[in-house]
Protein backbone atom coordinates (compact mmCIF):
# COMPACT_ATOMS: atom_id res chain seq x y z
CA UNK A 1 48.34 -1.74 0.15
CA UNK A 2 48.03 -3.24 -3.31
CA UNK A 3 49.04 -1.67 -6.58
CA UNK A 4 46.87 1.33 -7.47
CA UNK A 5 44.94 0.70 -10.65
CA UNK A 6 45.18 3.04 -13.59
CA UNK A 7 41.75 4.42 -14.50
CA UNK A 8 41.14 5.21 -18.16
CA UNK A 9 38.05 6.25 -20.12
CA UNK A 10 37.28 6.52 -23.81
CA UNK A 11 34.09 8.53 -24.13
CA UNK A 12 34.03 12.30 -24.22
CA UNK A 13 31.95 14.08 -21.59
CA UNK A 14 29.70 15.36 -24.36
CA UNK A 15 28.39 11.83 -24.89
CA UNK A 16 27.06 11.64 -21.35
CA UNK A 17 25.52 15.08 -21.71
CA UNK A 18 23.87 14.01 -24.97
CA UNK A 19 22.42 10.89 -23.37
CA UNK A 20 21.11 12.87 -20.41
CA UNK A 21 19.49 15.43 -22.71
CA UNK A 22 17.91 12.64 -24.74
CA UNK A 23 16.45 11.02 -21.61
CA UNK A 24 15.36 14.21 -19.88
CA UNK A 25 11.73 13.82 -21.05
CA UNK A 26 11.72 10.23 -19.75
CA UNK A 27 13.18 11.35 -16.42
CA UNK A 28 10.40 13.91 -16.10
CA UNK A 29 7.78 11.35 -17.11
CA UNK A 30 9.02 8.85 -14.52
CA UNK A 31 8.92 11.48 -11.79
CA UNK A 32 5.40 12.58 -12.76
CA UNK A 33 3.77 9.19 -13.33
CA UNK A 34 5.61 7.15 -10.71
CA UNK A 35 6.32 9.30 -7.66
CA UNK A 36 6.23 6.28 -5.32
CA UNK A 37 4.19 5.65 -2.19
CA UNK A 38 3.17 8.84 -0.36
CA UNK A 39 4.51 7.45 2.92
CA UNK A 40 1.31 8.24 4.80
CA UNK A 41 -0.73 5.84 6.89
CA UNK A 42 -3.02 3.47 5.00
CA UNK A 43 -6.09 2.31 6.92
CA UNK A 44 -6.47 -1.46 7.24
CA UNK A 45 -10.16 -1.31 6.34
CA UNK A 46 -13.03 0.84 5.18
CA UNK A 47 -16.41 0.66 6.89
CA UNK A 48 -19.35 2.02 4.97
CA UNK A 49 -22.58 3.18 6.57
CA UNK A 50 -25.71 4.31 4.66
CA UNK A 51 -26.25 8.06 4.70
CA UNK A 52 -29.56 7.77 6.53
CA UNK A 53 -28.07 5.52 9.24
CA UNK A 54 -24.87 7.44 10.00
CA UNK A 55 -25.02 9.49 13.19
CA UNK A 56 -22.73 10.94 15.84
CA UNK A 57 -22.54 7.62 17.68
CA UNK A 58 -21.84 5.36 14.71
CA UNK A 59 -18.12 4.77 15.30
CA UNK A 60 -18.50 4.10 19.02
CA UNK A 61 -21.53 1.91 18.33
CA UNK A 62 -19.52 -0.27 15.92
CA UNK A 63 -16.80 -0.64 18.53
CA UNK A 64 -19.25 -1.54 21.28
CA UNK A 65 -21.05 -4.07 19.10
CA UNK A 66 -17.74 -5.65 18.11
CA UNK A 67 -16.72 -5.90 21.78
CA UNK A 68 -20.09 -7.43 22.64
CA UNK A 69 -19.59 -10.06 19.92
CA UNK A 70 -16.18 -10.92 21.38
CA UNK A 71 -17.59 -11.15 24.90
CA UNK A 72 -20.38 -13.44 23.75
CA UNK A 73 -18.58 -15.71 21.30
CA UNK A 74 -14.88 -15.61 22.33
CA UNK A 75 -14.60 -14.08 25.80
CA UNK A 76 -10.91 -14.82 26.35
CA UNK A 77 -7.65 -15.23 24.44
CA UNK A 78 -7.79 -19.02 24.43
CA UNK A 79 -11.29 -19.25 22.97
CA UNK A 80 -10.58 -16.58 20.34
CA UNK A 81 -7.36 -18.35 19.36
CA UNK A 82 -9.17 -21.68 19.13
CA UNK A 83 -11.75 -20.26 16.72
CA UNK A 84 -9.15 -18.67 14.44
CA UNK A 85 -6.35 -21.20 14.80
CA UNK A 86 -3.88 -18.75 16.35
CA UNK A 87 -0.68 -20.17 17.80
CA UNK A 88 -0.22 -20.14 21.58
CA UNK A 89 2.37 -17.37 21.45
CA UNK A 90 0.03 -15.12 19.46
CA UNK A 91 -3.17 -15.80 21.38
CA UNK A 92 -2.76 -13.34 24.24
CA UNK A 93 -1.07 -10.44 22.41
CA UNK A 94 -3.55 -10.58 19.52
CA UNK A 95 -6.62 -10.84 21.76
CA UNK A 96 -5.51 -8.05 24.09
CA UNK A 97 -4.57 -5.75 21.23
CA UNK A 98 -7.86 -6.40 19.44
CA UNK A 99 -9.80 -5.45 22.56
CA UNK A 100 -7.68 -2.34 23.08
CA UNK A 101 -8.16 -1.34 19.44
CA UNK A 102 -11.94 -1.75 19.65
CA UNK A 103 -11.99 0.45 22.74
CA UNK A 104 -9.62 3.10 21.39
CA UNK A 105 -10.09 3.22 17.60
CA UNK A 106 -12.65 0.70 16.35
CA UNK A 107 -12.90 2.19 12.85
CA UNK A 108 -9.91 3.44 10.86
CA UNK A 109 -11.77 4.59 7.76
CA UNK A 110 -15.49 5.35 7.49
CA UNK A 111 -17.43 6.08 4.34
CA UNK A 112 -20.91 7.57 4.55
CA UNK A 113 -22.64 5.89 1.63
CA UNK A 114 -24.97 7.61 -0.82
CA UNK A 115 -24.72 4.91 -3.47
CA UNK A 116 -25.80 1.24 -3.25
CA UNK A 117 -26.14 1.29 0.53
CA UNK A 118 -28.41 4.33 0.31
CA UNK A 119 -30.24 3.99 -3.00
CA UNK A 120 -32.52 6.45 -4.80
CA UNK A 121 -34.25 8.95 -2.52
CA UNK A 122 -36.19 12.18 -3.01
CA UNK A 123 -33.75 15.03 -3.71
CA UNK A 124 -34.67 16.94 -0.57
CA UNK A 125 -34.04 13.86 1.57
CA UNK A 126 -30.59 13.20 0.06
CA UNK A 127 -29.68 16.89 0.31
CA UNK A 128 -30.48 16.85 4.01
CA UNK A 129 -28.58 13.61 4.61
CA UNK A 130 -25.49 14.95 2.81
CA UNK A 131 -25.58 18.18 4.80
CA UNK A 132 -26.01 16.21 8.02
CA UNK A 133 -23.03 13.99 7.15
CA UNK A 134 -20.86 17.10 6.67
CA UNK A 135 -21.97 18.57 9.99
CA UNK A 136 -21.43 15.33 11.92
CA UNK A 137 -17.97 14.72 10.42
CA UNK A 138 -16.93 18.30 11.18
CA UNK A 139 -18.19 17.93 14.76
CA UNK A 140 -16.37 14.60 15.16
CA UNK A 141 -13.10 16.24 14.16
CA UNK A 142 -13.66 19.07 16.61
CA UNK A 143 -14.46 16.82 19.57
CA UNK A 144 -11.83 14.18 18.81
CA UNK A 145 -14.18 11.30 18.00
CA UNK A 146 -13.49 11.13 14.25
CA UNK A 147 -11.92 8.10 12.60
CA UNK A 148 -8.49 8.81 11.07
CA UNK A 149 -10.16 8.79 7.64
CA UNK A 150 -13.76 9.77 6.87
CA UNK A 151 -15.73 10.82 3.81
CA UNK A 152 -18.53 9.85 1.47
CA UNK A 153 -19.24 7.60 -1.48
CA UNK A 154 -21.49 9.47 -3.86
CA UNK A 155 -23.40 8.13 -6.84
CA UNK A 156 -21.39 7.45 -9.98
CA UNK A 157 -20.81 9.57 -13.10
CA UNK A 158 -23.21 7.65 -15.34
CA UNK A 159 -25.91 9.76 -16.97
CA UNK A 160 -28.86 8.46 -14.95
CA UNK A 161 -27.44 9.52 -11.56
CA UNK A 162 -24.68 11.98 -12.50
CA UNK A 163 -26.45 15.18 -11.50
CA UNK A 164 -27.55 13.68 -8.20
CA UNK A 165 -24.02 12.51 -7.42
CA UNK A 166 -22.54 15.91 -8.25
CA UNK A 167 -25.09 17.69 -6.08
CA UNK A 168 -24.52 15.37 -3.11
CA UNK A 169 -20.79 15.96 -3.37
CA UNK A 170 -21.32 19.72 -3.56
CA UNK A 171 -23.67 19.77 -0.57
CA UNK A 172 -21.25 17.67 1.47
CA UNK A 173 -18.07 19.59 0.63
CA UNK A 174 -19.77 22.97 0.98
CA UNK A 175 -21.06 21.91 4.38
CA UNK A 176 -17.54 21.04 5.49
CA UNK A 177 -16.21 24.38 4.24
CA UNK A 178 -18.91 26.28 6.12
CA UNK A 179 -18.26 24.20 9.25
CA UNK A 180 -14.63 25.29 9.37
CA UNK A 181 -12.86 23.80 6.38
CA UNK A 182 -11.90 20.46 4.90
CA UNK A 183 -10.56 18.16 7.63
CA UNK A 184 -7.46 16.03 7.42
CA UNK A 185 -8.19 12.46 6.42
CA UNK A 186 -11.06 13.45 4.09
CA UNK A 187 -11.72 10.70 1.53
CA UNK A 188 -14.09 10.66 -1.44
CA UNK A 189 -15.03 7.46 -3.27
CA UNK A 190 -16.19 7.41 -6.91
CA UNK A 191 -18.03 4.14 -7.65
CA UNK A 192 -18.86 2.16 -10.80
CA UNK A 193 -16.32 3.75 -13.12
CA UNK A 194 -16.17 2.32 -16.65
CA UNK A 195 -14.27 4.92 -18.69
CA UNK A 196 -11.19 6.99 -17.94
CA UNK A 197 -13.13 10.03 -19.14
CA UNK A 198 -15.44 9.68 -16.13
CA UNK A 199 -12.41 9.91 -13.86
CA UNK A 200 -11.17 12.95 -15.74
CA UNK A 201 -14.57 14.60 -15.44
CA UNK A 202 -14.63 13.96 -11.69
CA UNK A 203 -11.15 15.43 -11.34
CA UNK A 204 -12.36 18.52 -13.18
CA UNK A 205 -15.33 18.72 -10.81
CA UNK A 206 -13.01 18.76 -7.80
CA UNK A 207 -10.80 21.33 -9.49
CA UNK A 208 -13.84 23.58 -9.95
CA UNK A 209 -14.70 23.29 -6.27
CA UNK A 210 -11.15 24.20 -5.29
CA UNK A 211 -11.21 27.23 -7.56
CA UNK A 212 -14.57 28.34 -6.17
CA UNK A 213 -13.32 28.26 -2.58
CA UNK A 214 -9.73 29.34 -3.14
CA UNK A 215 -8.32 25.99 -2.07
CA UNK A 216 -4.86 24.80 -3.02
CA UNK A 217 -4.80 22.97 -6.34
CA UNK A 218 -4.94 19.22 -5.75
CA UNK A 219 -6.30 19.53 -2.21
CA UNK A 220 -9.11 17.10 -3.04
CA UNK A 221 -8.24 13.53 -3.95
CA UNK A 222 -10.43 10.50 -4.45
CA UNK A 223 -10.59 6.72 -4.63
CA UNK A 224 -11.73 4.90 -7.75
CA UNK A 225 -13.96 1.90 -7.13
CA UNK A 226 -13.37 -0.93 -9.59
CA UNK A 227 -16.72 -2.64 -10.04
CA UNK A 228 -17.13 -3.23 -13.78
CA UNK A 229 -15.34 -5.38 -16.34
CA UNK A 230 -14.76 -2.29 -18.48
CA UNK A 231 -12.68 -0.74 -15.70
CA UNK A 232 -10.16 -3.58 -16.05
CA UNK A 233 -10.17 -4.24 -19.80
CA UNK A 234 -11.24 -1.62 -22.33
CA UNK A 235 -12.91 -2.32 -25.66
CA UNK A 236 -9.55 -1.94 -27.41
CA UNK A 237 -7.90 -4.53 -25.16
CA UNK A 238 -5.92 -2.09 -23.01
CA UNK A 239 -5.96 -1.91 -19.21
CA UNK A 240 -8.52 0.80 -18.46
CA UNK A 241 -7.50 1.11 -14.83
CA UNK A 242 -4.03 2.36 -15.80
CA UNK A 243 -5.60 5.10 -17.93
CA UNK A 244 -7.94 5.99 -15.07
CA UNK A 245 -5.01 6.68 -12.74
CA UNK A 246 -3.50 9.04 -15.30
CA UNK A 247 -6.86 10.68 -16.05
CA UNK A 248 -7.15 11.62 -12.38
CA UNK A 249 -4.28 14.05 -12.83
CA UNK A 250 -2.58 13.12 -9.57
CA UNK A 251 -5.79 13.13 -7.53
CA UNK A 252 -6.30 9.36 -7.36
CA UNK A 253 -5.41 7.99 -3.94
CA UNK A 254 -6.78 4.46 -4.11
CA UNK A 255 -8.29 1.68 -6.20
CA UNK A 256 -11.00 -0.22 -4.33
CA UNK A 257 -12.20 -3.58 -5.59
CA UNK A 258 -15.98 -4.02 -5.56
CA UNK A 259 -16.42 -7.73 -4.87
CA UNK A 260 -20.06 -8.22 -5.75
CA UNK A 261 -20.69 -5.74 -8.54
CA UNK A 262 -17.55 -6.85 -10.38
CA UNK A 263 -18.19 -10.58 -10.11
CA UNK A 264 -21.86 -10.15 -11.04
CA UNK A 265 -20.74 -8.15 -14.07
CA UNK A 266 -18.79 -11.21 -15.21
CA UNK A 267 -21.72 -13.54 -14.61
CA UNK A 268 -20.39 -15.21 -11.47
CA UNK A 269 -23.29 -16.79 -9.58
CA UNK A 270 -24.17 -15.36 -6.19
CA UNK A 271 -22.93 -18.39 -4.26
CA UNK A 272 -19.41 -17.91 -5.68
CA UNK A 273 -19.08 -14.13 -5.47
CA UNK A 274 -16.10 -13.76 -3.14
CA UNK A 275 -12.79 -11.95 -2.94
CA UNK A 276 -10.85 -15.19 -3.53
CA UNK A 277 -12.64 -16.08 -6.79
CA UNK A 278 -10.26 -16.33 -9.79
CA UNK A 279 -12.05 -13.40 -11.44
CA UNK A 280 -11.38 -11.30 -8.35
CA UNK A 281 -7.73 -12.33 -8.28
CA UNK A 282 -7.30 -11.31 -11.91
CA UNK A 283 -8.93 -7.92 -11.43
CA UNK A 284 -6.89 -7.11 -8.33
CA UNK A 285 -3.65 -8.24 -9.99
CA UNK A 286 -4.30 -5.83 -12.87
CA UNK A 287 -5.13 -3.06 -10.38
CA UNK A 288 -1.96 -3.78 -8.42
CA UNK A 289 0.33 -3.63 -11.44
CA UNK A 290 -1.36 -0.49 -12.79
CA UNK A 291 -0.99 1.27 -9.43
CA UNK A 292 2.57 0.17 -8.66
CA UNK A 293 4.85 3.15 -8.16
CA UNK A 294 2.11 5.71 -8.78
CA UNK A 295 1.34 6.39 -5.11
CA UNK A 296 -2.17 4.97 -5.62
CA UNK A 297 -3.00 2.22 -3.11
CA UNK A 298 -5.06 -0.89 -3.74
CA UNK A 299 -7.84 -2.12 -1.46
CA UNK A 300 -9.51 -5.52 -1.44
CA UNK A 301 -13.28 -5.85 -1.24
CA UNK A 302 -15.49 -7.46 1.40
CA UNK A 303 -17.38 -10.57 2.36
CA UNK A 304 -21.16 -10.55 2.72
CA UNK A 305 -21.20 -13.53 5.10
CA UNK A 306 -22.16 -11.86 8.36
CA UNK A 307 -21.10 -13.15 11.81
CA UNK A 308 -24.59 -13.22 13.30
CA UNK A 309 -26.78 -15.87 14.92
CA UNK A 310 -25.69 -18.80 17.09
CA UNK A 311 -22.07 -19.23 18.11
CA UNK A 312 -21.33 -21.92 15.53
CA UNK A 313 -22.45 -19.66 12.69
CA UNK A 314 -20.53 -16.68 14.09
CA UNK A 315 -17.37 -18.78 14.41
CA UNK A 316 -17.71 -20.02 10.81
CA UNK A 317 -18.13 -16.47 9.54
CA UNK A 318 -15.18 -15.31 11.64
CA UNK A 319 -12.94 -18.05 10.24
CA UNK A 320 -13.96 -17.15 6.70
CA UNK A 321 -13.31 -13.45 7.21
CA UNK A 322 -10.03 -14.06 9.01
CA UNK A 323 -8.83 -16.35 6.22
CA UNK A 324 -9.79 -13.94 3.45
CA UNK A 325 -8.05 -11.06 5.25
CA UNK A 326 -4.86 -13.07 5.79
CA UNK A 327 -4.94 -14.12 2.14
CA UNK A 328 -5.24 -10.50 1.03
CA UNK A 329 -2.38 -9.37 3.28
CA UNK A 330 -0.07 -12.02 1.81
CA UNK A 331 -0.91 -10.64 -1.63
CA UNK A 332 -0.06 -7.07 -0.52
CA UNK A 333 -3.67 -5.86 -0.33
CA UNK A 334 -3.34 -4.09 3.00
CA UNK A 335 -6.86 -2.69 3.11
CA UNK A 336 -10.34 -4.16 2.70
CA UNK A 337 -14.01 -3.33 3.29
CA UNK A 338 -16.01 -4.44 6.33
CA UNK A 339 -19.79 -4.60 6.19
CA UNK A 340 -20.74 -5.40 9.80
CA UNK A 341 -19.43 -4.65 13.32
CA UNK A 342 -18.91 -8.37 13.81
CA UNK A 343 -16.24 -8.32 11.10
CA UNK A 344 -14.01 -5.90 12.97
CA UNK A 345 -12.63 -8.35 15.59
CA UNK A 346 -11.39 -10.71 12.88
CA UNK A 347 -10.13 -7.85 10.71
CA UNK A 348 -7.85 -6.70 13.50
CA UNK A 349 -7.01 -10.24 14.59
CA UNK A 350 -5.82 -11.10 11.08
CA UNK A 351 -3.88 -7.86 10.70
CA UNK A 352 -2.26 -8.05 14.12
CA UNK A 353 -1.32 -11.71 13.70
CA UNK A 354 0.17 -10.97 10.28
CA UNK A 355 2.49 -8.32 11.66
CA UNK A 356 3.28 -9.86 15.03
CA UNK A 357 4.26 -13.26 13.70
CA UNK A 358 6.79 -11.76 11.31
CA UNK A 359 8.09 -8.60 12.94
CA UNK A 360 11.02 -10.15 14.81
CA UNK A 361 12.39 -11.64 11.62
CA UNK A 362 11.74 -8.43 9.67
CA UNK A 363 13.39 -6.23 12.32
CA UNK A 364 16.37 -8.58 12.53
CA UNK A 365 16.86 -8.68 8.77
CA UNK A 366 16.67 -4.91 8.56
CA UNK A 367 19.19 -4.53 11.39
CA UNK A 368 21.62 -6.88 9.62
CA UNK A 369 21.15 -4.98 6.38
CA UNK A 370 21.85 -1.64 8.05
CA UNK A 371 24.91 -3.00 9.88
CA UNK A 372 26.11 -5.00 6.84
CA UNK A 373 26.21 -8.00 9.12
CA UNK A 374 25.25 -10.57 6.51
CA UNK A 375 23.21 -13.64 7.36
CA UNK A 376 21.40 -16.39 5.51
CA UNK A 377 19.59 -13.95 3.18
CA UNK A 378 21.27 -11.42 0.89
CA UNK A 379 19.00 -8.37 1.08
CA UNK A 380 19.02 -5.44 -1.34
CA UNK A 381 17.71 -1.86 -0.98
CA UNK A 382 14.33 -2.90 -2.41
CA UNK A 383 14.01 -5.55 0.32
CA UNK A 384 15.00 -3.03 2.99
CA UNK A 385 12.19 -0.86 1.66
CA UNK A 386 9.73 -3.74 1.94
CA UNK A 387 10.90 -4.68 5.44
CA UNK A 388 10.61 -1.14 6.77
CA UNK A 389 7.21 -0.70 5.10
CA UNK A 390 6.00 -3.87 6.81
CA UNK A 391 7.13 -2.61 10.22
CA UNK A 392 5.60 0.84 9.66
CA UNK A 393 2.22 -0.63 8.71
CA UNK A 394 2.33 -2.75 11.85
CA UNK A 395 3.06 0.32 13.95
CA UNK A 396 0.33 2.42 12.30
CA UNK A 397 -2.49 -0.03 13.01
CA UNK A 398 -1.41 -0.87 16.57
CA UNK A 399 -0.10 -4.38 15.96
CA UNK A 400 3.38 -3.31 17.03
CA UNK A 401 4.93 -0.82 19.45
CA UNK A 402 7.87 1.35 18.49
CA UNK A 403 9.79 0.24 21.60
CA UNK A 404 9.81 -3.42 20.60
CA UNK A 405 10.66 -2.61 16.98
CA UNK A 406 13.51 -0.32 18.06
CA UNK A 407 14.83 -2.94 20.47
CA UNK A 408 15.18 -5.53 17.71
CA UNK A 409 16.17 -3.28 14.81
CA UNK A 410 18.05 -0.46 16.52
CA UNK A 411 16.09 1.96 14.34
CA UNK A 412 13.78 4.88 15.06
CA UNK A 413 10.54 5.50 13.22
CA UNK A 414 12.30 8.21 11.23
CA UNK A 415 14.91 5.65 10.20
CA UNK A 416 12.19 3.26 9.06
CA UNK A 417 10.48 5.98 7.07
CA UNK A 418 13.76 6.80 5.36
CA UNK A 419 14.19 3.20 4.20
CA UNK A 420 10.51 2.85 3.23
CA UNK A 421 10.48 5.85 0.90
CA UNK A 422 13.88 6.27 -0.74
CA UNK A 423 14.15 8.49 -3.77
CA UNK A 424 14.17 6.55 -7.04
CA UNK A 425 17.78 7.48 -7.82
CA UNK A 426 18.96 6.52 -4.35
CA UNK A 427 17.35 3.09 -4.62
CA UNK A 428 18.82 2.42 -8.06
CA UNK A 429 22.29 3.63 -7.14
CA UNK A 430 22.33 1.57 -3.93
CA UNK A 431 21.48 -1.59 -5.85
CA UNK A 432 24.44 -1.28 -8.21
């Protein structure tokens, strides 16, 4: 035992109390504006289907068409790996998991589209399609065929289509209420937002619906689709997207990048409109920073190069889509949009490869952090949060199994969730 140190202080306790009182408004502001990630599952993609095309068999049809594309153009693990450049150790587990996913849960998030994919229609026709979408989604939840997340994209809040968008939303939500209530996993997407006031108005619209039906305040959330230059940079030079998140009053759940509308808005020629264009990278970087810590998640856009036609063309489109998805994952965009059933095999291949090639290292690092075992990397609480979040996302989509993660990390899912969503004070105190 060494000599016990004498501990002395100089400041009166009143000083600490004064500082705490001074910062109390900031503490409250931090808690309100930056609550952190909600800790719920985030889908790896969103599939959108025009309102007049969506039917009870849509999800299964997308899965079957994706499986047929695999059978025709990459019938086994070796051929699929050769197309995408997968390593030998990933070929079989990725291929088998992709097939199992397409059979079990081909679509994680489906949006019935009443905007660009649907276009202007007679009011009676759109009314009927919105009511039908509500009925089919309610039935899918009752019979167990629903995707984990489902909802609609209505027309935007601009004057020319505002009333039509509001009515479609009302018809859809009312139909769900009358069919038994709002289901879990309900998602609404507000497109082509340019001003924070439009977001605020939409939030008020949802509040009015909740009040009308006696729903809990805040029950209805929505995604904001970033498709215009004004949604990134306002006329006064400020970041509009940050103001949009605040204008939503806690209802914003996601920011979705609109690849083609946004790039066209900036004058990018059609041949160069892609999610890896510098203009796209800038927009998504602004979205990512604005959303950080708010609990609002960021989604990448899509590619319009479809995997159709002869095998060579399909393989080229697959490689493009796989590469764009891997690029997005490395940049922490864990969700994107898929426009065709042929995109789903490479969506899941990219996602599964991303998690499987790194999970052993991630689980090992987290185990060493928990056991204070050291190693060649000095990890901090923020890194433990990132490592556990990585493993949880892999588990949620089916890339990983809890048994293999537990074997390497010694942790349960509950343990992982605890590291992935620490309270702000706990994270700060642990880092000191």
